[in-house]
N, C-alpha and C. Protein backbone atom coordinates (compact mmCIF):
# COMPACT_ATOMS: atom_id res chain seq x y z
N MET A 1 130.66 -92.56 30.65
CA MET A 1 130.35 -91.68 31.74
C MET A 1 131.54 -90.76 31.98
N LYS A 2 131.25 -89.50 32.01
CA LYS A 2 132.29 -88.51 32.22
C LYS A 2 132.49 -88.26 33.70
N ASN A 3 133.74 -88.18 34.09
CA ASN A 3 134.06 -87.78 35.47
C ASN A 3 134.20 -86.28 35.52
N THR A 4 133.60 -85.70 36.50
CA THR A 4 133.68 -84.26 36.67
C THR A 4 134.45 -83.96 37.93
N LEU A 5 135.43 -83.12 37.81
CA LEU A 5 136.23 -82.72 38.96
C LEU A 5 135.78 -81.31 39.36
N VAL A 6 135.37 -81.20 40.57
CA VAL A 6 134.89 -79.90 41.06
C VAL A 6 135.80 -79.44 42.19
N PHE A 7 136.28 -78.23 42.08
CA PHE A 7 137.09 -77.64 43.16
C PHE A 7 136.20 -76.68 43.95
N VAL A 8 136.26 -76.84 45.24
CA VAL A 8 135.52 -75.93 46.11
C VAL A 8 136.55 -75.13 46.89
N VAL A 9 136.46 -73.84 46.77
CA VAL A 9 137.38 -72.96 47.49
C VAL A 9 136.58 -72.23 48.55
N VAL A 10 137.05 -72.34 49.77
CA VAL A 10 136.39 -71.63 50.87
C VAL A 10 137.33 -70.52 51.32
N LEU A 11 136.85 -69.33 51.28
CA LEU A 11 137.63 -68.18 51.70
C LEU A 11 136.92 -67.53 52.89
N MET A 12 137.66 -67.43 53.97
CA MET A 12 137.07 -66.82 55.17
C MET A 12 137.51 -65.36 55.24
N ILE A 13 136.56 -64.51 55.07
CA ILE A 13 136.83 -63.08 55.17
C ILE A 13 136.03 -62.55 56.36
N GLY A 14 136.71 -61.81 57.18
CA GLY A 14 136.03 -61.24 58.33
C GLY A 14 135.79 -62.25 59.45
N ALA A 15 136.54 -63.34 59.47
CA ALA A 15 136.40 -64.30 60.57
C ALA A 15 136.85 -63.63 61.86
N ALA A 16 136.33 -64.09 62.97
CA ALA A 16 136.65 -63.48 64.25
C ALA A 16 137.15 -64.52 65.23
N PHE A 17 137.97 -64.08 66.15
CA PHE A 17 138.38 -64.94 67.25
C PHE A 17 138.23 -64.16 68.55
N ALA A 18 137.96 -64.87 69.62
CA ALA A 18 137.72 -64.23 70.92
C ALA A 18 138.84 -64.58 71.88
N GLU A 19 139.15 -63.66 72.75
CA GLU A 19 140.17 -63.84 73.77
C GLU A 19 139.61 -63.39 75.12
N ASN A 20 140.25 -63.85 76.17
CA ASN A 20 139.84 -63.52 77.53
C ASN A 20 141.11 -63.18 78.33
N ILE A 21 141.10 -62.07 79.06
CA ILE A 21 142.24 -61.72 79.90
C ILE A 21 141.74 -61.30 81.27
N GLN A 22 142.58 -61.54 82.28
CA GLN A 22 142.29 -61.08 83.64
C GLN A 22 143.31 -60.01 84.00
N ILE A 23 142.80 -58.90 84.51
CA ILE A 23 143.66 -57.79 84.89
C ILE A 23 143.59 -57.61 86.40
N LYS A 24 144.72 -57.85 87.06
CA LYS A 24 144.79 -57.66 88.51
C LYS A 24 144.86 -56.18 88.83
N VAL A 25 144.53 -55.87 90.06
CA VAL A 25 144.55 -54.48 90.50
C VAL A 25 145.98 -53.94 90.41
N ASN A 26 146.12 -52.73 89.87
CA ASN A 26 147.42 -52.09 89.70
C ASN A 26 147.83 -51.33 90.96
N ARG A 27 146.90 -50.59 91.51
CA ARG A 27 147.14 -49.89 92.78
C ARG A 27 145.82 -49.80 93.52
N GLU A 28 145.93 -49.63 94.83
CA GLU A 28 144.75 -49.59 95.69
C GLU A 28 145.06 -48.75 96.91
N ALA A 29 144.01 -48.27 97.55
CA ALA A 29 144.19 -47.44 98.73
C ALA A 29 142.95 -47.50 99.60
N LEU A 30 143.16 -47.31 100.87
CA LEU A 30 142.07 -47.16 101.83
C LEU A 30 141.87 -45.67 102.07
N VAL A 31 140.63 -45.21 102.00
CA VAL A 31 140.31 -43.81 102.24
C VAL A 31 139.48 -43.72 103.51
N GLY A 32 139.97 -42.99 104.51
CA GLY A 32 139.23 -42.82 105.76
C GLY A 32 139.29 -44.07 106.61
N GLY A 33 138.55 -44.04 107.70
CA GLY A 33 138.48 -45.21 108.57
C GLY A 33 139.79 -45.52 109.25
N ARG A 34 139.83 -46.70 109.84
CA ARG A 34 141.03 -47.14 110.53
C ARG A 34 141.94 -47.89 109.58
N LYS A 35 143.20 -47.60 109.65
CA LYS A 35 144.17 -48.30 108.81
C LYS A 35 144.30 -49.72 109.32
N GLY A 36 144.24 -50.66 108.40
CA GLY A 36 144.44 -52.05 108.74
C GLY A 36 145.86 -52.45 108.43
N PRO A 37 146.17 -53.73 108.60
CA PRO A 37 147.50 -54.18 108.20
C PRO A 37 147.68 -54.02 106.69
N ASP A 38 148.92 -54.04 106.25
CA ASP A 38 149.21 -53.84 104.83
C ASP A 38 148.56 -54.88 103.93
N LEU A 39 148.13 -56.00 104.50
CA LEU A 39 147.56 -57.06 103.69
C LEU A 39 146.06 -56.94 103.51
N SER A 40 145.44 -55.86 104.02
CA SER A 40 143.99 -55.74 103.84
C SER A 40 143.54 -54.30 103.59
N ILE A 41 142.40 -54.19 102.93
CA ILE A 41 141.70 -52.91 102.72
C ILE A 41 140.39 -53.04 103.50
N ASN A 42 140.17 -52.15 104.46
CA ASN A 42 138.99 -52.23 105.32
C ASN A 42 137.97 -51.20 104.88
N ILE A 43 136.84 -51.67 104.37
CA ILE A 43 135.80 -50.80 103.84
C ILE A 43 134.58 -50.90 104.75
N GLY A 44 134.07 -49.75 105.19
CA GLY A 44 132.89 -49.87 106.03
C GLY A 44 132.43 -48.58 106.64
N SER A 45 131.54 -48.75 107.60
CA SER A 45 130.93 -47.60 108.26
C SER A 45 130.76 -47.85 109.75
N ASN A 46 131.55 -48.79 110.30
CA ASN A 46 131.32 -49.12 111.70
C ASN A 46 131.82 -48.03 112.66
N HIS A 47 133.04 -47.54 112.50
CA HIS A 47 133.54 -46.47 113.36
C HIS A 47 133.71 -45.16 112.61
N ALA A 48 134.09 -45.27 111.37
CA ALA A 48 134.27 -44.08 110.52
C ALA A 48 134.06 -44.50 109.08
N GLU A 49 133.53 -43.58 108.29
CA GLU A 49 133.30 -43.85 106.88
C GLU A 49 134.62 -44.17 106.19
N SER A 50 134.64 -45.23 105.40
CA SER A 50 135.85 -45.57 104.66
C SER A 50 135.50 -46.23 103.33
N TYR A 51 136.41 -46.07 102.38
CA TYR A 51 136.23 -46.58 101.02
C TYR A 51 137.51 -47.27 100.57
N GLY A 52 137.36 -48.17 99.63
CA GLY A 52 138.51 -48.75 98.97
C GLY A 52 138.59 -48.21 97.55
N LEU A 53 139.78 -47.80 97.14
CA LEU A 53 140.00 -47.34 95.78
C LEU A 53 140.85 -48.38 95.06
N PHE A 54 140.48 -48.69 93.84
CA PHE A 54 141.17 -49.72 93.06
C PHE A 54 141.39 -49.19 91.65
N GLU A 55 142.59 -49.42 91.11
CA GLU A 55 142.87 -49.01 89.75
C GLU A 55 143.42 -50.19 88.96
N TYR A 56 142.99 -50.28 87.71
CA TYR A 56 143.40 -51.34 86.80
C TYR A 56 143.92 -50.69 85.52
N LEU A 57 144.97 -51.26 84.93
CA LEU A 57 145.48 -50.78 83.65
C LEU A 57 144.79 -51.56 82.55
N LEU A 58 143.98 -50.87 81.76
CA LEU A 58 143.24 -51.51 80.68
C LEU A 58 144.17 -51.87 79.53
N PRO A 59 143.85 -52.93 78.81
CA PRO A 59 144.73 -53.35 77.71
C PRO A 59 144.62 -52.42 76.51
N VAL A 60 145.72 -52.33 75.78
CA VAL A 60 145.71 -51.62 74.51
C VAL A 60 145.43 -52.68 73.45
N LEU A 61 144.29 -52.57 72.82
CA LEU A 61 143.89 -53.56 71.82
C LEU A 61 144.13 -53.02 70.41
N PRO A 62 144.45 -53.91 69.47
CA PRO A 62 144.56 -53.48 68.07
C PRO A 62 143.22 -52.92 67.59
N SER A 63 143.27 -52.11 66.54
CA SER A 63 142.06 -51.43 66.06
C SER A 63 140.99 -52.39 65.57
N GLU A 64 141.36 -53.61 65.16
CA GLU A 64 140.37 -54.57 64.68
C GLU A 64 139.72 -55.36 65.83
N CYS A 65 140.07 -55.02 67.07
CA CYS A 65 139.53 -55.73 68.24
C CYS A 65 138.58 -54.83 69.02
N SER A 66 137.58 -55.45 69.65
CA SER A 66 136.66 -54.69 70.49
C SER A 66 136.27 -55.53 71.71
N ILE A 67 136.02 -54.84 72.80
CA ILE A 67 135.64 -55.50 74.05
C ILE A 67 134.18 -55.93 73.95
N THR A 68 133.92 -57.19 74.27
CA THR A 68 132.55 -57.70 74.25
C THR A 68 131.98 -57.83 75.66
N SER A 69 132.86 -57.93 76.66
CA SER A 69 132.40 -58.07 78.04
C SER A 69 133.51 -57.65 78.99
N ALA A 70 133.14 -56.94 80.06
CA ALA A 70 134.08 -56.58 81.12
C ALA A 70 133.35 -56.74 82.45
N GLU A 71 133.92 -57.55 83.32
CA GLU A 71 133.29 -57.82 84.62
C GLU A 71 134.29 -57.57 85.74
N LEU A 72 133.77 -57.04 86.84
CA LEU A 72 134.56 -56.87 88.06
C LEU A 72 134.30 -58.07 88.94
N TRP A 73 135.38 -58.72 89.37
CA TRP A 73 135.29 -59.92 90.21
C TRP A 73 135.96 -59.68 91.55
N PHE A 74 135.31 -60.11 92.59
CA PHE A 74 135.91 -60.22 93.91
C PHE A 74 135.91 -61.70 94.24
N PRO A 75 137.07 -62.36 94.24
CA PRO A 75 137.11 -63.79 94.51
C PRO A 75 136.58 -64.13 95.90
N GLN A 76 136.05 -65.31 96.03
CA GLN A 76 135.48 -65.76 97.30
C GLN A 76 136.50 -65.69 98.43
N LYS A 77 137.70 -66.19 98.20
CA LYS A 77 138.67 -66.24 99.29
C LYS A 77 139.38 -64.92 99.53
N ALA A 78 138.99 -63.84 98.85
CA ALA A 78 139.59 -62.54 99.09
C ALA A 78 139.01 -61.87 100.32
N PHE A 79 137.93 -62.40 100.89
CA PHE A 79 137.26 -61.75 102.01
C PHE A 79 137.70 -62.35 103.32
N VAL A 80 138.18 -61.48 104.19
CA VAL A 80 138.57 -61.92 105.52
C VAL A 80 137.34 -62.03 106.38
N SER A 81 136.50 -61.00 106.38
CA SER A 81 135.32 -61.00 107.23
C SER A 81 134.43 -59.83 106.86
N SER A 82 133.18 -59.91 107.25
CA SER A 82 132.29 -58.75 107.20
C SER A 82 131.34 -58.87 108.37
N ALA A 83 130.94 -57.75 108.90
CA ALA A 83 130.02 -57.77 110.03
C ALA A 83 128.62 -58.10 109.54
N GLY A 84 127.77 -58.53 110.42
CA GLY A 84 126.39 -58.78 110.04
C GLY A 84 126.06 -60.25 109.99
N SER A 85 125.14 -60.60 109.11
CA SER A 85 124.57 -61.95 109.11
C SER A 85 125.09 -62.82 107.97
N GLY A 86 126.34 -62.73 107.65
CA GLY A 86 126.88 -63.61 106.64
C GLY A 86 127.14 -62.99 105.30
N GLN A 87 126.72 -61.76 105.08
CA GLN A 87 127.05 -61.08 103.84
C GLN A 87 126.93 -59.57 104.01
N ALA A 88 127.57 -58.88 103.11
CA ALA A 88 127.52 -57.41 103.10
C ALA A 88 127.45 -56.96 101.65
N VAL A 89 127.09 -55.70 101.44
CA VAL A 89 126.94 -55.15 100.10
C VAL A 89 128.01 -54.07 99.89
N LEU A 90 128.70 -54.15 98.74
CA LEU A 90 129.63 -53.10 98.34
C LEU A 90 129.03 -52.35 97.16
N LEU A 91 128.98 -51.02 97.26
CA LEU A 91 128.53 -50.17 96.17
C LEU A 91 129.76 -49.78 95.35
N ILE A 92 129.72 -50.05 94.04
CA ILE A 92 130.86 -49.80 93.16
C ILE A 92 130.58 -48.58 92.28
N SER A 93 131.51 -47.62 92.30
CA SER A 93 131.38 -46.41 91.48
C SER A 93 132.67 -46.20 90.69
N LYS A 94 132.55 -45.54 89.56
CA LYS A 94 133.71 -45.23 88.73
C LYS A 94 134.36 -43.96 89.24
N LEU A 95 135.71 -43.96 89.27
CA LEU A 95 136.45 -42.78 89.69
C LEU A 95 136.71 -41.87 88.50
N ASP A 96 136.73 -40.58 88.77
CA ASP A 96 137.03 -39.59 87.75
C ASP A 96 138.52 -39.27 87.83
N GLY A 97 139.28 -39.85 86.94
CA GLY A 97 140.71 -39.56 86.89
C GLY A 97 141.55 -40.55 87.68
N SER A 98 142.85 -40.42 87.48
CA SER A 98 143.78 -41.35 88.10
C SER A 98 144.86 -40.59 88.86
N ASN A 99 144.57 -39.36 89.24
CA ASN A 99 145.56 -38.52 89.89
C ASN A 99 145.60 -38.77 91.40
N TRP A 100 145.99 -39.99 91.78
CA TRP A 100 146.13 -40.32 93.19
C TRP A 100 147.22 -41.37 93.35
N THR A 101 147.78 -41.41 94.54
CA THR A 101 148.78 -42.43 94.85
C THR A 101 148.32 -43.17 96.09
N GLU A 102 148.87 -44.34 96.28
CA GLU A 102 148.44 -45.18 97.40
C GLU A 102 148.69 -44.51 98.75
N GLY A 103 149.77 -43.74 98.87
CA GLY A 103 150.11 -43.15 100.17
C GLY A 103 149.58 -41.76 100.43
N SER A 104 148.97 -41.11 99.45
CA SER A 104 148.57 -39.71 99.63
C SER A 104 147.06 -39.51 99.66
N ILE A 105 146.31 -40.55 99.92
CA ILE A 105 144.85 -40.46 99.91
C ILE A 105 144.33 -40.05 101.29
N ALA A 106 143.35 -39.17 101.30
CA ALA A 106 142.64 -38.80 102.52
C ALA A 106 141.17 -38.65 102.15
N LEU A 107 140.29 -38.69 103.16
CA LEU A 107 138.86 -38.61 102.91
C LEU A 107 138.49 -37.33 102.15
N ASP A 108 139.16 -36.22 102.49
CA ASP A 108 138.88 -34.95 101.81
C ASP A 108 139.76 -34.73 100.59
N LYS A 109 140.70 -35.63 100.31
CA LYS A 109 141.59 -35.53 99.15
C LYS A 109 141.57 -36.87 98.42
N ARG A 110 140.50 -37.11 97.74
CA ARG A 110 140.37 -38.34 96.98
C ARG A 110 139.72 -38.02 95.64
N PRO A 111 139.91 -38.89 94.67
CA PRO A 111 139.24 -38.64 93.40
C PRO A 111 137.73 -38.70 93.57
N LYS A 112 137.04 -37.90 92.83
CA LYS A 112 135.57 -37.91 92.87
C LYS A 112 135.06 -39.08 92.03
N THR A 113 133.85 -39.51 92.33
CA THR A 113 133.22 -40.51 91.48
C THR A 113 132.49 -39.78 90.36
N VAL A 114 132.29 -40.49 89.25
CA VAL A 114 131.66 -39.89 88.08
C VAL A 114 130.46 -40.73 87.67
N GLY A 115 129.36 -40.07 87.34
CA GLY A 115 128.17 -40.77 86.89
C GLY A 115 127.48 -41.51 88.03
N PRO A 116 126.41 -42.23 87.70
CA PRO A 116 125.72 -43.01 88.72
C PRO A 116 126.58 -44.23 89.10
N PRO A 117 126.33 -44.83 90.26
CA PRO A 117 127.07 -46.03 90.63
C PRO A 117 126.94 -47.11 89.56
N LEU A 118 127.98 -47.92 89.40
CA LEU A 118 127.98 -48.99 88.41
C LEU A 118 127.15 -50.18 88.87
N GLY A 119 126.98 -50.31 90.18
CA GLY A 119 126.19 -51.41 90.71
C GLY A 119 126.69 -51.86 92.07
N GLN A 120 126.17 -52.99 92.51
CA GLN A 120 126.52 -53.53 93.83
C GLN A 120 127.03 -54.96 93.70
N ILE A 121 127.93 -55.30 94.62
CA ILE A 121 128.42 -56.67 94.73
C ILE A 121 128.12 -57.14 96.14
N VAL A 122 127.44 -58.26 96.25
CA VAL A 122 127.16 -58.86 97.55
C VAL A 122 128.30 -59.82 97.87
N VAL A 123 128.91 -59.65 99.04
CA VAL A 123 130.05 -60.48 99.43
C VAL A 123 129.69 -61.30 100.67
N GLY A 124 130.30 -62.46 100.79
CA GLY A 124 130.09 -63.31 101.95
C GLY A 124 131.17 -63.09 102.99
N ASP A 125 131.01 -63.73 104.14
CA ASP A 125 132.02 -63.60 105.19
C ASP A 125 132.32 -64.95 105.81
N LEU A 126 133.01 -64.94 106.91
CA LEU A 126 133.40 -66.19 107.56
C LEU A 126 132.20 -66.99 108.04
N LEU A 127 131.05 -66.32 108.26
CA LEU A 127 129.85 -67.03 108.67
C LEU A 127 129.20 -67.77 107.50
N ASN A 128 129.60 -67.41 106.30
CA ASN A 128 129.00 -67.97 105.09
C ASN A 128 130.11 -68.30 104.09
N PRO A 129 130.99 -69.26 104.41
CA PRO A 129 132.19 -69.49 103.59
C PRO A 129 131.90 -70.04 102.19
N ALA A 130 130.73 -70.59 101.96
CA ALA A 130 130.43 -71.16 100.65
C ALA A 130 129.91 -70.12 99.65
N PHE A 131 129.63 -68.92 100.13
CA PHE A 131 129.06 -67.89 99.26
C PHE A 131 130.11 -67.39 98.26
N VAL A 132 129.75 -67.36 96.99
CA VAL A 132 130.64 -66.86 95.95
C VAL A 132 130.03 -65.59 95.36
N PRO A 133 130.73 -64.46 95.43
CA PRO A 133 130.17 -63.21 94.89
C PRO A 133 129.96 -63.30 93.39
N ALA A 134 128.85 -62.77 92.92
CA ALA A 134 128.58 -62.69 91.48
C ALA A 134 129.39 -61.52 90.92
N PRO A 135 129.89 -61.64 89.69
CA PRO A 135 130.62 -60.51 89.10
C PRO A 135 129.68 -59.37 88.75
N LEU A 136 130.25 -58.19 88.61
CA LEU A 136 129.49 -57.00 88.23
C LEU A 136 129.86 -56.63 86.80
N ASP A 137 128.86 -56.53 85.93
CA ASP A 137 129.09 -56.17 84.53
C ASP A 137 129.39 -54.66 84.45
N ILE A 138 130.59 -54.33 84.00
CA ILE A 138 131.00 -52.93 83.87
C ILE A 138 131.48 -52.65 82.44
N THR A 139 130.94 -53.38 81.49
CA THR A 139 131.39 -53.29 80.10
C THR A 139 131.33 -51.86 79.56
N SER A 140 130.19 -51.20 79.71
CA SER A 140 130.05 -49.86 79.13
C SER A 140 131.03 -48.87 79.74
N ALA A 141 131.31 -48.98 81.04
CA ALA A 141 132.25 -48.06 81.69
C ALA A 141 133.67 -48.29 81.19
N VAL A 142 134.06 -49.54 81.00
CA VAL A 142 135.40 -49.85 80.50
C VAL A 142 135.55 -49.38 79.05
N VAL A 143 134.57 -49.67 78.21
CA VAL A 143 134.62 -49.26 76.81
C VAL A 143 134.67 -47.74 76.71
N SER A 144 133.88 -47.05 77.52
CA SER A 144 133.87 -45.59 77.52
C SER A 144 135.25 -45.02 77.89
N SER A 145 135.90 -45.59 78.88
CA SER A 145 137.23 -45.13 79.27
C SER A 145 138.23 -45.30 78.14
N LEU A 146 138.20 -46.45 77.48
CA LEU A 146 139.12 -46.69 76.37
C LEU A 146 138.83 -45.75 75.20
N GLU A 147 137.55 -45.48 74.93
CA GLU A 147 137.20 -44.55 73.85
C GLU A 147 137.69 -43.14 74.14
N GLN A 148 137.80 -42.79 75.43
CA GLN A 148 138.31 -41.47 75.83
C GLN A 148 139.83 -41.46 75.92
N GLY A 149 140.47 -42.58 75.59
CA GLY A 149 141.93 -42.67 75.61
C GLY A 149 142.52 -42.87 76.99
N ARG A 150 141.72 -43.35 77.93
CA ARG A 150 142.20 -43.56 79.30
C ARG A 150 142.47 -45.04 79.55
N ARG A 151 143.68 -45.36 79.89
CA ARG A 151 144.03 -46.74 80.23
C ARG A 151 143.85 -47.02 81.72
N GLU A 152 144.02 -45.99 82.55
CA GLU A 152 143.84 -46.18 83.99
C GLU A 152 142.35 -46.16 84.29
N PHE A 153 141.86 -47.24 84.86
CA PHE A 153 140.44 -47.37 85.15
C PHE A 153 140.29 -47.54 86.66
N GLY A 154 139.70 -46.53 87.30
CA GLY A 154 139.60 -46.54 88.75
C GLY A 154 138.19 -46.77 89.24
N LEU A 155 138.10 -47.51 90.35
CA LEU A 155 136.81 -47.80 90.98
C LEU A 155 136.88 -47.50 92.47
N GLN A 156 135.73 -47.13 93.02
CA GLN A 156 135.58 -46.95 94.46
C GLN A 156 134.58 -47.97 94.97
N ALA A 157 134.92 -48.62 96.08
CA ALA A 157 133.99 -49.55 96.73
C ALA A 157 133.66 -49.00 98.11
N GLY A 158 132.37 -48.95 98.42
CA GLY A 158 131.93 -48.46 99.71
C GLY A 158 130.69 -49.18 100.18
N ILE A 159 130.32 -48.98 101.42
CA ILE A 159 129.09 -49.55 101.97
C ILE A 159 127.97 -48.56 101.66
N PRO A 160 126.92 -48.98 100.94
CA PRO A 160 125.90 -48.02 100.49
C PRO A 160 125.06 -47.40 101.60
N ILE A 161 124.83 -48.14 102.67
CA ILE A 161 124.01 -47.64 103.77
C ILE A 161 124.82 -47.74 105.05
N PRO A 162 124.98 -46.64 105.78
CA PRO A 162 125.73 -46.72 107.04
C PRO A 162 125.01 -47.64 108.04
N ASN A 163 125.41 -48.90 108.07
CA ASN A 163 124.72 -49.87 108.92
C ASN A 163 125.65 -50.61 109.86
N GLY A 164 126.88 -50.15 109.97
CA GLY A 164 127.83 -50.80 110.86
C GLY A 164 128.63 -51.91 110.22
N ASP A 165 128.32 -52.26 108.97
CA ASP A 165 129.09 -53.31 108.30
C ASP A 165 130.49 -52.84 107.99
N ILE A 166 131.41 -53.78 107.98
CA ILE A 166 132.76 -53.52 107.52
C ILE A 166 133.24 -54.76 106.78
N VAL A 167 133.88 -54.54 105.64
CA VAL A 167 134.39 -55.63 104.82
C VAL A 167 135.90 -55.50 104.76
N PHE A 168 136.58 -56.59 105.04
CA PHE A 168 138.04 -56.64 104.98
C PHE A 168 138.43 -57.40 103.73
N LEU A 169 139.10 -56.73 102.81
CA LEU A 169 139.55 -57.36 101.57
C LEU A 169 141.06 -57.54 101.60
N TYR A 170 141.53 -58.66 101.14
CA TYR A 170 142.97 -58.81 100.98
C TYR A 170 143.47 -57.79 99.97
N SER A 171 144.62 -57.22 100.23
CA SER A 171 145.21 -56.27 99.29
C SER A 171 146.07 -57.00 98.27
N LYS A 172 146.57 -56.27 97.29
CA LYS A 172 147.40 -56.88 96.25
C LYS A 172 148.74 -57.35 96.80
N GLU A 173 149.11 -56.89 97.99
CA GLU A 173 150.36 -57.34 98.59
C GLU A 173 150.29 -58.78 99.11
N LYS A 174 149.08 -59.31 99.25
CA LYS A 174 148.94 -60.70 99.66
C LYS A 174 149.11 -61.55 98.41
N ALA A 175 150.20 -62.25 98.31
CA ALA A 175 150.63 -62.86 97.05
C ALA A 175 149.71 -63.96 96.54
N ASP A 176 149.11 -64.75 97.41
CA ASP A 176 148.38 -65.92 96.94
C ASP A 176 146.94 -65.63 96.52
N VAL A 177 146.41 -64.47 96.83
CA VAL A 177 145.08 -64.07 96.37
C VAL A 177 145.13 -62.61 95.96
N CYS A 178 144.18 -62.17 95.18
CA CYS A 178 144.12 -60.75 94.84
C CYS A 178 142.78 -60.21 95.31
N ALA A 179 142.76 -58.95 95.67
CA ALA A 179 141.53 -58.35 96.18
C ALA A 179 140.44 -58.33 95.13
N SER A 180 140.79 -58.04 93.92
CA SER A 180 139.80 -57.97 92.86
C SER A 180 140.52 -58.02 91.52
N TYR A 181 139.76 -58.26 90.48
CA TYR A 181 140.33 -58.22 89.14
C TYR A 181 139.23 -57.96 88.12
N LEU A 182 139.65 -57.53 86.94
CA LEU A 182 138.74 -57.36 85.82
C LEU A 182 138.89 -58.56 84.91
N ASN A 183 137.79 -59.11 84.49
CA ASN A 183 137.78 -60.18 83.50
C ASN A 183 137.24 -59.57 82.21
N ILE A 184 138.12 -59.45 81.21
CA ILE A 184 137.75 -58.78 79.96
C ILE A 184 137.77 -59.78 78.82
N GLN A 185 136.68 -59.81 78.08
CA GLN A 185 136.61 -60.62 76.87
C GLN A 185 136.58 -59.66 75.69
N TYR A 186 137.36 -60.00 74.67
CA TYR A 186 137.34 -59.18 73.47
C TYR A 186 137.39 -60.04 72.24
N GLU A 187 136.97 -59.46 71.14
CA GLU A 187 136.88 -60.17 69.87
C GLU A 187 137.66 -59.39 68.82
N CYS A 188 138.40 -60.12 68.01
CA CYS A 188 139.17 -59.50 66.95
C CYS A 188 138.74 -60.07 65.60
N LYS A 189 138.55 -59.19 64.65
CA LYS A 189 138.22 -59.63 63.30
C LYS A 189 139.51 -59.84 62.53
N ASN A 190 139.64 -61.01 61.96
CA ASN A 190 140.83 -61.37 61.21
C ASN A 190 140.62 -60.99 59.76
N GLU A 191 141.13 -59.84 59.37
CA GLU A 191 140.96 -59.35 58.00
C GLU A 191 141.97 -60.04 57.10
N LEU A 192 141.50 -60.87 56.18
CA LEU A 192 142.39 -61.56 55.23
C LEU A 192 142.27 -60.96 53.86
């Protein structure tokens, strides 16, 4: 009986690996309304129209990598309060450009929004402490910005219907929580 020795060679070409990163807000500002303490951004329509502006620095990925998912998250404990019956709605829109600073924003001097709104995030308040906001999928908007060579990704949050609601978000200056962040998943092909 002959013994046969067989060698099996496995070569992985084009294998991929996935990564996940969280990007905290880089800068933020309150537009209009009443100024709150430095630790909060007050968004609403109770006394005067106001918006929150948020900017994130998108990652520079190698050419063999691509974003598979990008979500906007507002953590549960980032909310101080909102008026109403236990929850409020924030309308999220993409900002056109990054030509603004935290201290120079005014209602009539703010970046414009571009395109249709990206969607809505329902947030809870002190009357509903167990409520956890669902993330908002903004993958196409993030990918589009990177394809245009823009690393600064700005968003506006506002109350979609003037109904007296106001949402107080912790600002980035509050060290133990962040007002919002982007959760980005990307995949890289390992060319061997």
